[in-house]
Every structure is written in structure tokens, then in C-alpha cells.
mmCIF file of all heavy atoms, coordinates in Angstrom:
data_MODEL
# 
_entry.id   MODEL 
# 
loop_
_atom_site.group_PDB 
_atom_site.id 
_atom_site.type_symbol 
_atom_site.label_atom_id 
_atom_site.label_alt_id 
_atom_site.label_comp_id 
_atom_site.label_asym_id 
_atom_site.label_entity_id 
_atom_site.label_seq_id 
_atom_site.pdbx_PDB_ins_code 
_atom_site.Cartn_x 
_atom_site.Cartn_y 
_atom_site.Cartn_z 
_atom_site.occupancy 
_atom_site.B_iso_or_equiv 
_atom_site.pdbx_formal_charge 
_atom_site.auth_seq_id 
_atom_site.auth_comp_id 
_atom_site.auth_asym_id 
_atom_site.auth_atom_id 
_atom_site.pdbx_PDB_model_num 
ATOM 1   N N   . ALA A 1 1  ? 86.126  96.536  88.848  1.00 0.00 ? 1  ALA A N   1 
ATOM 2   C CA  . ALA A 1 1  ? 86.051  97.977  88.683  1.00 0.00 ? 1  ALA A CA  1 
ATOM 3   C C   . ALA A 1 1  ? 84.635  98.208  87.839  1.00 0.00 ? 1  ALA A C   1 
ATOM 4   O O   . ALA A 1 1  ? 83.886  99.066  88.234  1.00 0.00 ? 1  ALA A O   1 
ATOM 5   C CB  . ALA A 1 1  ? 87.132  98.632  88.074  1.00 0.00 ? 1  ALA A CB  1 
ATOM 6   N N   . LEU A 1 2  ? 84.498  97.472  86.809  1.00 0.00 ? 2  LEU A N   1 
ATOM 7   C CA  . LEU A 1 2  ? 83.288  97.650  85.920  1.00 0.00 ? 2  LEU A CA  1 
ATOM 8   C C   . LEU A 1 2  ? 81.977  97.329  86.734  1.00 0.00 ? 2  LEU A C   1 
ATOM 9   O O   . LEU A 1 2  ? 81.085  98.091  86.570  1.00 0.00 ? 2  LEU A O   1 
ATOM 10  C CB  . LEU A 1 2  ? 83.447  96.608  84.780  1.00 0.00 ? 2  LEU A CB  1 
ATOM 11  C CG  . LEU A 1 2  ? 82.147  96.611  83.815  1.00 0.00 ? 2  LEU A CG  1 
ATOM 12  C CD1 . LEU A 1 2  ? 81.931  97.966  83.199  1.00 0.00 ? 2  LEU A CD1 1 
ATOM 13  C CD2 . LEU A 1 2  ? 82.339  95.474  82.739  1.00 0.00 ? 2  LEU A CD2 1 
ATOM 14  N N   . TYR A 1 3  ? 81.962  96.251  87.503  1.00 0.00 ? 3  TYR A N   1 
ATOM 15  C CA  . TYR A 1 3  ? 80.747  95.891  88.200  1.00 0.00 ? 3  TYR A CA  1 
ATOM 16  C C   . TYR A 1 3  ? 80.460  97.032  89.249  1.00 0.00 ? 3  TYR A C   1 
ATOM 17  O O   . TYR A 1 3  ? 79.259  97.439  89.398  1.00 0.00 ? 3  TYR A O   1 
ATOM 18  C CB  . TYR A 1 3  ? 80.861  94.554  88.924  1.00 0.00 ? 3  TYR A CB  1 
ATOM 19  C CG  . TYR A 1 3  ? 80.714  93.411  87.979  1.00 0.00 ? 3  TYR A CG  1 
ATOM 20  C CD1 . TYR A 1 3  ? 80.657  93.586  86.639  1.00 0.00 ? 3  TYR A CD1 1 
ATOM 21  C CD2 . TYR A 1 3  ? 80.637  92.135  88.501  1.00 0.00 ? 3  TYR A CD2 1 
ATOM 22  C CE1 . TYR A 1 3  ? 80.566  92.423  85.759  1.00 0.00 ? 3  TYR A CE1 1 
ATOM 23  C CE2 . TYR A 1 3  ? 80.427  91.081  87.654  1.00 0.00 ? 3  TYR A CE2 1 
ATOM 24  C CZ  . TYR A 1 3  ? 80.367  91.170  86.338  1.00 0.00 ? 3  TYR A CZ  1 
ATOM 25  O OH  . TYR A 1 3  ? 80.283  90.079  85.510  1.00 0.00 ? 3  TYR A OH  1 
ATOM 26  N N   . ASN A 1 4  ? 81.423  97.530  89.836  1.00 0.00 ? 4  ASN A N   1 
ATOM 27  C CA  . ASN A 1 4  ? 81.220  98.682  90.780  1.00 0.00 ? 4  ASN A CA  1 
ATOM 28  C C   . ASN A 1 4  ? 80.680  99.895  90.029  1.00 0.00 ? 4  ASN A C   1 
ATOM 29  O O   . ASN A 1 4  ? 79.767  100.647 90.521  1.00 0.00 ? 4  ASN A O   1 
ATOM 30  C CB  . ASN A 1 4  ? 82.532  99.079  91.530  1.00 0.00 ? 4  ASN A CB  1 
ATOM 31  C CG  . ASN A 1 4  ? 82.753  98.174  92.740  1.00 0.00 ? 4  ASN A CG  1 
ATOM 32  O OD1 . ASN A 1 4  ? 82.242  98.443  93.837  1.00 0.00 ? 4  ASN A OD1 1 
ATOM 33  N ND2 . ASN A 1 4  ? 83.591  97.113  92.593  1.00 0.00 ? 4  ASN A ND2 1 
ATOM 34  N N   . TYR A 1 5  ? 81.272  100.186 88.883  1.00 0.00 ? 5  TYR A N   1 
ATOM 35  C CA  . TYR A 1 5  ? 80.923  101.354 88.116  1.00 0.00 ? 5  TYR A CA  1 
ATOM 36  C C   . TYR A 1 5  ? 79.434  101.190 87.690  1.00 0.00 ? 5  TYR A C   1 
ATOM 37  O O   . TYR A 1 5  ? 78.603  102.151 87.772  1.00 0.00 ? 5  TYR A O   1 
ATOM 38  C CB  . TYR A 1 5  ? 81.842  101.464 86.912  1.00 0.00 ? 5  TYR A CB  1 
ATOM 39  C CG  . TYR A 1 5  ? 81.429  102.537 85.831  1.00 0.00 ? 5  TYR A CG  1 
ATOM 40  C CD1 . TYR A 1 5  ? 81.977  103.768 85.949  1.00 0.00 ? 5  TYR A CD1 1 
ATOM 41  C CD2 . TYR A 1 5  ? 80.554  102.190 84.763  1.00 0.00 ? 5  TYR A CD2 1 
ATOM 42  C CE1 . TYR A 1 5  ? 81.629  104.724 84.975  1.00 0.00 ? 5  TYR A CE1 1 
ATOM 43  C CE2 . TYR A 1 5  ? 80.241  103.161 83.841  1.00 0.00 ? 5  TYR A CE2 1 
ATOM 44  C CZ  . TYR A 1 5  ? 80.786  104.430 83.937  1.00 0.00 ? 5  TYR A CZ  1 
ATOM 45  O OH  . TYR A 1 5  ? 80.441  105.396 82.978  1.00 0.00 ? 5  TYR A OH  1 
ATOM 46  N N   . LEU A 1 6  ? 79.074  100.028 87.063  1.00 0.00 ? 6  LEU A N   1 
ATOM 47  C CA  . LEU A 1 6  ? 77.696  99.848  86.680  1.00 0.00 ? 6  LEU A CA  1 
ATOM 48  C C   . LEU A 1 6  ? 76.650  99.929  87.801  1.00 0.00 ? 6  LEU A C   1 
ATOM 49  O O   . LEU A 1 6  ? 75.548  100.546 87.654  1.00 0.00 ? 6  LEU A O   1 
ATOM 50  C CB  . LEU A 1 6  ? 77.623  98.455  85.993  1.00 0.00 ? 6  LEU A CB  1 
ATOM 51  C CG  . LEU A 1 6  ? 78.418  98.148  84.774  1.00 0.00 ? 6  LEU A CG  1 
ATOM 52  C CD1 . LEU A 1 6  ? 78.253  96.696  84.273  1.00 0.00 ? 6  LEU A CD1 1 
ATOM 53  C CD2 . LEU A 1 6  ? 78.015  99.111  83.607  1.00 0.00 ? 6  LEU A CD2 1 
ATOM 54  N N   . PHE A 1 7  ? 77.059  99.392  88.957  1.00 0.00 ? 7  PHE A N   1 
ATOM 55  C CA  . PHE A 1 7  ? 76.138  99.354  90.114  1.00 0.00 ? 7  PHE A CA  1 
ATOM 56  C C   . PHE A 1 7  ? 75.923  100.902 90.525  1.00 0.00 ? 7  PHE A C   1 
ATOM 57  O O   . PHE A 1 7  ? 74.763  101.329 90.788  1.00 0.00 ? 7  PHE A O   1 
ATOM 58  C CB  . PHE A 1 7  ? 76.722  98.539  91.198  1.00 0.00 ? 7  PHE A CB  1 
ATOM 59  C CG  . PHE A 1 7  ? 75.784  98.473  92.415  1.00 0.00 ? 7  PHE A CG  1 
ATOM 60  C CD1 . PHE A 1 7  ? 74.789  97.479  92.370  1.00 0.00 ? 7  PHE A CD1 1 
ATOM 61  C CD2 . PHE A 1 7  ? 75.963  99.302  93.544  1.00 0.00 ? 7  PHE A CD2 1 
ATOM 62  C CE1 . PHE A 1 7  ? 73.977  97.249  93.489  1.00 0.00 ? 7  PHE A CE1 1 
ATOM 63  C CE2 . PHE A 1 7  ? 75.108  99.122  94.592  1.00 0.00 ? 7  PHE A CE2 1 
ATOM 64  C CZ  . PHE A 1 7  ? 74.096  98.092  94.547  1.00 0.00 ? 7  PHE A CZ  1 
ATOM 65  N N   . ALA A 1 8  ? 77.027  101.666 90.602  1.00 0.00 ? 8  ALA A N   1 
ATOM 66  C CA  . ALA A 1 8  ? 76.863  103.068 91.067  1.00 0.00 ? 8  ALA A CA  1 
ATOM 67  C C   . ALA A 1 8  ? 76.172  103.825 90.072  1.00 0.00 ? 8  ALA A C   1 
ATOM 68  O O   . ALA A 1 8  ? 75.200  104.653 90.467  1.00 0.00 ? 8  ALA A O   1 
ATOM 69  C CB  . ALA A 1 8  ? 78.243  103.618 91.251  1.00 0.00 ? 8  ALA A CB  1 
ATOM 70  N N   . LYS A 1 9  ? 76.391  103.654 88.768  1.00 0.00 ? 9  LYS A N   1 
ATOM 71  C CA  . LYS A 1 9  ? 75.605  104.467 87.754  1.00 0.00 ? 9  LYS A CA  1 
ATOM 72  C C   . LYS A 1 9  ? 74.163  104.139 87.792  1.00 0.00 ? 9  LYS A C   1 
ATOM 73  O O   . LYS A 1 9  ? 73.341  105.057 87.674  1.00 0.00 ? 9  LYS A O   1 
ATOM 74  C CB  . LYS A 1 9  ? 76.182  104.141 86.373  1.00 0.00 ? 9  LYS A CB  1 
ATOM 75  C CG  . LYS A 1 9  ? 77.595  104.745 86.163  1.00 0.00 ? 9  LYS A CG  1 
ATOM 76  C CD  . LYS A 1 9  ? 77.683  106.313 86.361  1.00 0.00 ? 9  LYS A CD  1 
ATOM 77  C CE  . LYS A 1 9  ? 79.034  106.757 86.131  1.00 0.00 ? 9  LYS A CE  1 
ATOM 78  N NZ  . LYS A 1 9  ? 79.110  108.257 86.414  1.00 0.00 ? 9  LYS A NZ  1 
ATOM 79  N N   . GLN A 1 10 ? 73.806  102.861 87.900  1.00 0.00 ? 10 GLN A N   1 
ATOM 80  C CA  . GLN A 1 10 ? 72.451  102.454 87.925  1.00 0.00 ? 10 GLN A CA  1 
ATOM 81  C C   . GLN A 1 10 ? 71.676  103.060 89.173  1.00 0.00 ? 10 GLN A C   1 
ATOM 82  O O   . GLN A 1 10 ? 70.473  103.411 89.023  1.00 0.00 ? 10 GLN A O   1 
ATOM 83  C CB  . GLN A 1 10 ? 72.355  100.900 88.025  1.00 0.00 ? 10 GLN A CB  1 
ATOM 84  C CG  . GLN A 1 10 ? 70.899  100.363 87.836  1.00 0.00 ? 10 GLN A CG  1 
ATOM 85  C CD  . GLN A 1 10 ? 70.935  98.839  87.923  1.00 0.00 ? 10 GLN A CD  1 
ATOM 86  O OE1 . GLN A 1 10 ? 70.969  98.345  89.095  1.00 0.00 ? 10 GLN A OE1 1 
ATOM 87  N NE2 . GLN A 1 10 ? 70.895  98.187  86.921  1.00 0.00 ? 10 GLN A NE2 1 
ATOM 88  N N   . LYS A 1 11 ? 72.380  103.166 90.246  1.00 0.00 ? 11 LYS A N   1 
ATOM 89  C CA  . LYS A 1 11 ? 71.760  103.696 91.478  1.00 0.00 ? 11 LYS A CA  1 
ATOM 90  C C   . LYS A 1 11 ? 71.914  105.187 91.661  1.00 0.00 ? 11 LYS A C   1 
ATOM 91  O O   . LYS A 1 11 ? 71.403  105.753 92.628  1.00 0.00 ? 11 LYS A O   1 
ATOM 92  C CB  . LYS A 1 11 ? 72.406  102.988 92.776  1.00 0.00 ? 11 LYS A CB  1 
ATOM 93  C CG  . LYS A 1 11 ? 72.356  101.504 92.685  1.00 0.00 ? 11 LYS A CG  1 
ATOM 94  C CD  . LYS A 1 11 ? 70.981  100.942 92.777  1.00 0.00 ? 11 LYS A CD  1 
ATOM 95  C CE  . LYS A 1 11 ? 71.017  99.437  92.899  1.00 0.00 ? 11 LYS A CE  1 
ATOM 96  N NZ  . LYS A 1 11 ? 69.601  98.847  92.879  1.00 0.00 ? 11 LYS A NZ  1 
ATOM 97  N N   . GLY A 1 12 ? 72.478  105.904 90.650  1.00 0.00 ? 12 GLY A N   1 
ATOM 98  C CA  . GLY A 1 12 ? 72.653  107.264 90.710  1.00 0.00 ? 12 GLY A CA  1 
ATOM 99  C C   . GLY A 1 12 ? 73.671  107.736 91.813  1.00 0.00 ? 12 GLY A C   1 
ATOM 100 O O   . GLY A 1 12 ? 73.545  108.725 92.407  1.00 0.00 ? 12 GLY A O   1 
ATOM 101 N N   . GLY A 1 13 ? 74.675  106.766 92.101  1.00 0.00 ? 13 GLY A N   1 
ATOM 102 C CA  . GLY A 1 13 ? 75.565  107.009 93.200  1.00 0.00 ? 13 GLY A CA  1 
ATOM 103 C C   . GLY A 1 13 ? 76.959  107.385 92.678  1.00 0.00 ? 13 GLY A C   1 
ATOM 104 O O   . GLY A 1 13 ? 77.185  107.784 91.622  1.00 0.00 ? 13 GLY A O   1 
ATOM 105 N N   . ASP A 1 14 ? 77.976  107.091 93.586  1.00 0.00 ? 14 ASP A N   1 
ATOM 106 C CA  . ASP A 1 14 ? 79.300  107.447 93.281  1.00 0.00 ? 14 ASP A CA  1 
ATOM 107 C C   . ASP A 1 14 ? 80.227  106.239 93.260  1.00 0.00 ? 14 ASP A C   1 
ATOM 108 O O   . ASP A 1 14 ? 80.065  105.250 94.010  1.00 0.00 ? 14 ASP A O   1 
ATOM 109 C CB  . ASP A 1 14 ? 79.817  108.378 94.433  1.00 0.00 ? 14 ASP A CB  1 
ATOM 110 C CG  . ASP A 1 14 ? 78.993  109.667 94.556  1.00 0.00 ? 14 ASP A CG  1 
ATOM 111 O OD1 . ASP A 1 14 ? 78.625  110.236 93.579  1.00 0.00 ? 14 ASP A OD1 1 
ATOM 112 O OD2 . ASP A 1 14 ? 78.687  109.984 95.776  1.00 0.00 ? 14 ASP A OD2 1 
ATOM 113 N N   . PHE A 1 15 ? 81.237  106.314 92.340  1.00 0.00 ? 15 PHE A N   1 
ATOM 114 C CA  . PHE A 1 15 ? 82.249  105.262 92.200  1.00 0.00 ? 15 PHE A CA  1 
ATOM 115 C C   . PHE A 1 15 ? 83.583  105.883 92.471  1.00 0.00 ? 15 PHE A C   1 
ATOM 116 O O   . PHE A 1 15 ? 83.979  106.897 91.913  1.00 0.00 ? 15 PHE A O   1 
ATOM 117 C CB  . PHE A 1 15 ? 82.077  104.846 90.712  1.00 0.00 ? 15 PHE A CB  1 
ATOM 118 C CG  . PHE A 1 15 ? 83.283  103.942 90.229  1.00 0.00 ? 15 PHE A CG  1 
ATOM 119 C CD1 . PHE A 1 15 ? 83.603  102.816 91.054  1.00 0.00 ? 15 PHE A CD1 1 
ATOM 120 C CD2 . PHE A 1 15 ? 83.969  104.143 89.056  1.00 0.00 ? 15 PHE A CD2 1 
ATOM 121 C CE1 . PHE A 1 15 ? 84.698  101.941 90.626  1.00 0.00 ? 15 PHE A CE1 1 
ATOM 122 C CE2 . PHE A 1 15 ? 84.909  103.342 88.664  1.00 0.00 ? 15 PHE A CE2 1 
ATOM 123 C CZ  . PHE A 1 15 ? 85.293  102.256 89.448  1.00 0.00 ? 15 PHE A CZ  1 
ATOM 124 N N   . ILE A 1 16 ? 84.276  105.295 93.389  1.00 0.00 ? 16 ILE A N   1 
ATOM 125 C CA  . ILE A 1 16 ? 85.443  105.851 93.910  1.00 0.00 ? 16 ILE A CA  1 
ATOM 126 C C   . ILE A 1 16 ? 86.710  104.968 93.653  1.00 0.00 ? 16 ILE A C   1 
ATOM 127 O O   . ILE A 1 16 ? 86.626  103.755 93.774  1.00 0.00 ? 16 ILE A O   1 
ATOM 128 C CB  . ILE A 1 16 ? 85.404  106.022 95.414  1.00 0.00 ? 16 ILE A CB  1 
ATOM 129 C CG1 . ILE A 1 16 ? 84.188  107.070 95.776  1.00 0.00 ? 16 ILE A CG1 1 
ATOM 130 C CG2 . ILE A 1 16 ? 86.645  106.593 96.062  1.00 0.00 ? 16 ILE A CG2 1 
ATOM 131 C CD1 . ILE A 1 16 ? 83.676  106.816 97.192  1.00 0.00 ? 16 ILE A CD1 1 
ATOM 132 N N   . LEU A 1 17 ? 87.837  105.626 93.354  1.00 0.00 ? 17 LEU A N   1 
ATOM 133 C CA  . LEU A 1 17 ? 89.088  104.867 93.244  1.00 0.00 ? 17 LEU A CA  1 
ATOM 134 C C   . LEU A 1 17 ? 89.903  105.180 94.465  1.00 0.00 ? 17 LEU A C   1 
ATOM 135 O O   . LEU A 1 17 ? 90.269  106.332 94.650  1.00 0.00 ? 17 LEU A O   1 
ATOM 136 C CB  . LEU A 1 17 ? 89.886  105.214 91.993  1.00 0.00 ? 17 LEU A CB  1 
ATOM 137 C CG  . LEU A 1 17 ? 91.310  104.567 91.849  1.00 0.00 ? 17 LEU A CG  1 
ATOM 138 C CD1 . LEU A 1 17 ? 91.197  103.099 91.863  1.00 0.00 ? 17 LEU A CD1 1 
ATOM 139 C CD2 . LEU A 1 17 ? 92.047  105.179 90.678  1.00 0.00 ? 17 LEU A CD2 1 
ATOM 140 N N   . ARG A 1 18 ? 90.216  104.095 95.226  1.00 0.00 ? 18 ARG A N   1 
ATOM 141 C CA  . ARG A 1 18 ? 91.130  104.216 96.365  1.00 0.00 ? 18 ARG A CA  1 
ATOM 142 C C   . ARG A 1 18 ? 92.318  103.344 96.138  1.00 0.00 ? 18 ARG A C   1 
ATOM 143 O O   . ARG A 1 18 ? 92.164  102.189 95.790  1.00 0.00 ? 18 ARG A O   1 
ATOM 144 C CB  . ARG A 1 18 ? 90.378  103.823 97.655  1.00 0.00 ? 18 ARG A CB  1 
ATOM 145 C CG  . ARG A 1 18 ? 91.119  104.093 99.005  1.00 0.00 ? 18 ARG A CG  1 
ATOM 146 C CD  . ARG A 1 18 ? 90.257  103.773 100.106 1.00 0.00 ? 18 ARG A CD  1 
ATOM 147 N NE  . ARG A 1 18 ? 89.991  102.487 100.452 1.00 0.00 ? 18 ARG A NE  1 
ATOM 148 C CZ  . ARG A 1 18 ? 88.761  102.005 100.784 1.00 0.00 ? 18 ARG A CZ  1 
ATOM 149 N NH1 . ARG A 1 18 ? 87.720  102.836 100.998 1.00 0.00 ? 18 ARG A NH1 1 
ATOM 150 N NH2 . ARG A 1 18 ? 88.579  100.695 101.023 1.00 0.00 ? 18 ARG A NH2 1 
ATOM 151 N N   . ILE A 1 19 ? 93.546  103.833 96.378  1.00 0.00 ? 19 ILE A N   1 
ATOM 152 C CA  . ILE A 1 19 ? 94.690  103.035 96.258  1.00 0.00 ? 19 ILE A CA  1 
ATOM 153 C C   . ILE A 1 19 ? 95.107  102.479 97.598  1.00 0.00 ? 19 ILE A C   1 
ATOM 154 O O   . ILE A 1 19 ? 95.502  103.280 98.571  1.00 0.00 ? 19 ILE A O   1 
ATOM 155 C CB  . ILE A 1 19 ? 95.844  103.840 95.666  1.00 0.00 ? 19 ILE A CB  1 
ATOM 156 C CG1 . ILE A 1 19 ? 95.452  104.356 94.221  1.00 0.00 ? 19 ILE A CG1 1 
ATOM 157 C CG2 . ILE A 1 19 ? 97.077  103.133 95.548  1.00 0.00 ? 19 ILE A CG2 1 
ATOM 158 C CD1 . ILE A 1 19 ? 95.265  103.206 93.205  1.00 0.00 ? 19 ILE A CD1 1 
ATOM 159 N N   . GLU A 1 20 ? 95.199  101.204 97.727  1.00 0.00 ? 20 GLU A N   1 
ATOM 160 C CA  . GLU A 1 20 ? 95.469  100.556 99.011  1.00 0.00 ? 20 GLU A CA  1 
ATOM 161 C C   . GLU A 1 20 ? 96.971  100.118 99.060  1.00 0.00 ? 20 GLU A C   1 
ATOM 162 O O   . GLU A 1 20 ? 97.239  98.982  98.681  1.00 0.00 ? 20 GLU A O   1 
ATOM 163 C CB  . GLU A 1 20 ? 94.510  99.422  99.258  1.00 0.00 ? 20 GLU A CB  1 
ATOM 164 C CG  . GLU A 1 20 ? 93.072  99.892  99.280  1.00 0.00 ? 20 GLU A CG  1 
ATOM 165 C CD  . GLU A 1 20 ? 92.098  98.945  100.003 1.00 0.00 ? 20 GLU A CD  1 
ATOM 166 O OE1 . GLU A 1 20 ? 92.366  97.760  100.074 1.00 0.00 ? 20 GLU A OE1 1 
ATOM 167 O OE2 . GLU A 1 20 ? 91.027  99.417  100.507 1.00 0.00 ? 20 GLU A OE2 1 
ATOM 168 N N   . ASP A 1 21 ? 97.845  101.044 99.394  1.00 0.00 ? 21 ASP A N   1 
ATOM 169 C CA  . ASP A 1 21 ? 99.272  100.789 99.336  1.00 0.00 ? 21 ASP A CA  1 
ATOM 170 C C   . ASP A 1 21 ? 99.932  100.695 100.702 1.00 0.00 ? 21 ASP A C   1 
ATOM 171 O O   . ASP A 1 21 ? 100.975 101.130 100.966 1.00 0.00 ? 21 ASP A O   1 
ATOM 172 C CB  . ASP A 1 21 ? 99.883  101.972 98.580  1.00 0.00 ? 21 ASP A CB  1 
ATOM 173 C CG  . ASP A 1 21 ? 99.629  103.320 99.129  1.00 0.00 ? 21 ASP A CG  1 
ATOM 174 O OD1 . ASP A 1 21 ? 98.739  103.526 100.016 1.00 0.00 ? 21 ASP A OD1 1 
ATOM 175 O OD2 . ASP A 1 21 ? 100.310 104.268 98.769  1.00 0.00 ? 21 ASP A OD2 1 
ATOM 176 N N   . THR A 1 22 ? 99.212  100.055 101.630 1.00 0.00 ? 22 THR A N   1 
ATOM 177 C CA  . THR A 1 22 ? 99.770  99.826  102.949 1.00 0.00 ? 22 THR A CA  1 
ATOM 178 C C   . THR A 1 22 ? 100.922 98.889  103.003 1.00 0.00 ? 22 THR A C   1 
ATOM 179 O O   . THR A 1 22 ? 101.808 98.944  103.865 1.00 0.00 ? 22 THR A O   1 
ATOM 180 C CB  . THR A 1 22 ? 98.638  99.383  103.922 1.00 0.00 ? 22 THR A CB  1 
ATOM 181 O OG1 . THR A 1 22 ? 98.109  98.148  103.385 1.00 0.00 ? 22 THR A OG1 1 
ATOM 182 C CG2 . THR A 1 22 ? 97.671  100.375 104.082 1.00 0.00 ? 22 THR A CG2 1 
ATOM 183 N N   . ASP A 1 23 ? 100.950 97.971  102.076 1.00 0.00 ? 23 ASP A N   1 
ATOM 184 C CA  . ASP A 1 23 ? 102.104 96.990  101.991 1.00 0.00 ? 23 ASP A CA  1 
ATOM 185 C C   . ASP A 1 23 ? 103.154 97.591  101.137 1.00 0.00 ? 23 ASP A C   1 
ATOM 186 O O   . ASP A 1 23 ? 103.286 97.321  99.951  1.00 0.00 ? 23 ASP A O   1 
ATOM 187 C CB  . ASP A 1 23 ? 101.466 95.575  101.402 1.00 0.00 ? 23 ASP A CB  1 
ATOM 188 C CG  . ASP A 1 23 ? 102.592 94.537  101.555 1.00 0.00 ? 23 ASP A CG  1 
ATOM 189 O OD1 . ASP A 1 23 ? 103.743 94.849  101.877 1.00 0.00 ? 23 ASP A OD1 1 
ATOM 190 O OD2 . ASP A 1 23 ? 102.256 93.345  101.359 1.00 0.00 ? 23 ASP A OD2 1 
ATOM 191 N N   . GLN A 1 24 ? 104.062 98.360  101.774 1.00 0.00 ? 24 GLN A N   1 
ATOM 192 C CA  . GLN A 1 24 ? 105.072 98.998  101.047 1.00 0.00 ? 24 GLN A CA  1 
ATOM 193 C C   . GLN A 1 24 ? 106.103 98.071  100.521 1.00 0.00 ? 24 GLN A C   1 
ATOM 194 O O   . GLN A 1 24 ? 106.802 98.434  99.518  1.00 0.00 ? 24 GLN A O   1 
ATOM 195 C CB  . GLN A 1 24 ? 105.688 100.182 101.960 1.00 0.00 ? 24 GLN A CB  1 
ATOM 196 C CG  . GLN A 1 24 ? 104.787 101.308 102.297 1.00 0.00 ? 24 GLN A CG  1 
ATOM 197 C CD  . GLN A 1 24 ? 104.437 102.096 101.104 1.00 0.00 ? 24 GLN A CD  1 
ATOM 198 O OE1 . GLN A 1 24 ? 105.312 102.677 100.502 1.00 0.00 ? 24 GLN A OE1 1 
ATOM 199 N NE2 . GLN A 1 24 ? 103.200 102.224 100.773 1.00 0.00 ? 24 GLN A NE2 1 
ATOM 200 N N   . GLN A 1 25 ? 106.306 96.969  101.101 1.00 0.00 ? 25 GLN A N   1 
ATOM 201 C CA  . GLN A 1 25 ? 107.280 95.987  100.606 1.00 0.00 ? 25 GLN A CA  1 
ATOM 202 C C   . GLN A 1 25 ? 106.910 95.380  99.222  1.00 0.00 ? 25 GLN A C   1 
ATOM 203 O O   . GLN A 1 25 ? 107.793 95.021  98.464  1.00 0.00 ? 25 GLN A O   1 
ATOM 204 C CB  . GLN A 1 25 ? 107.442 94.913  101.604 1.00 0.00 ? 25 GLN A CB  1 
ATOM 205 C CG  . GLN A 1 25 ? 108.140 95.382  102.920 1.00 0.00 ? 25 GLN A CG  1 
ATOM 206 C CD  . GLN A 1 25 ? 108.425 94.156  103.865 1.00 0.00 ? 25 GLN A CD  1 
ATOM 207 O OE1 . GLN A 1 25 ? 107.825 93.112  103.756 1.00 0.00 ? 25 GLN A OE1 1 
ATOM 208 N NE2 . GLN A 1 25 ? 109.418 94.332  104.727 1.00 0.00 ? 25 GLN A NE2 1 
# 
């Protein structure tokens, strides 16, 4: 998450949180 955040901030872009809950079991 940190590396994504740093990369987005450096590029003036967006950092998104997506929850991948397809495996309900």
C-alpha cells in the first residue's frame, strides 16, 4: 500500500483502495 501511495503522490495521480472479496468462503 505504501509503495502504491508514494508512486501515486509522486506522479500527481490517484491511489485507490479496492476490496477483493470474491472468495466468500
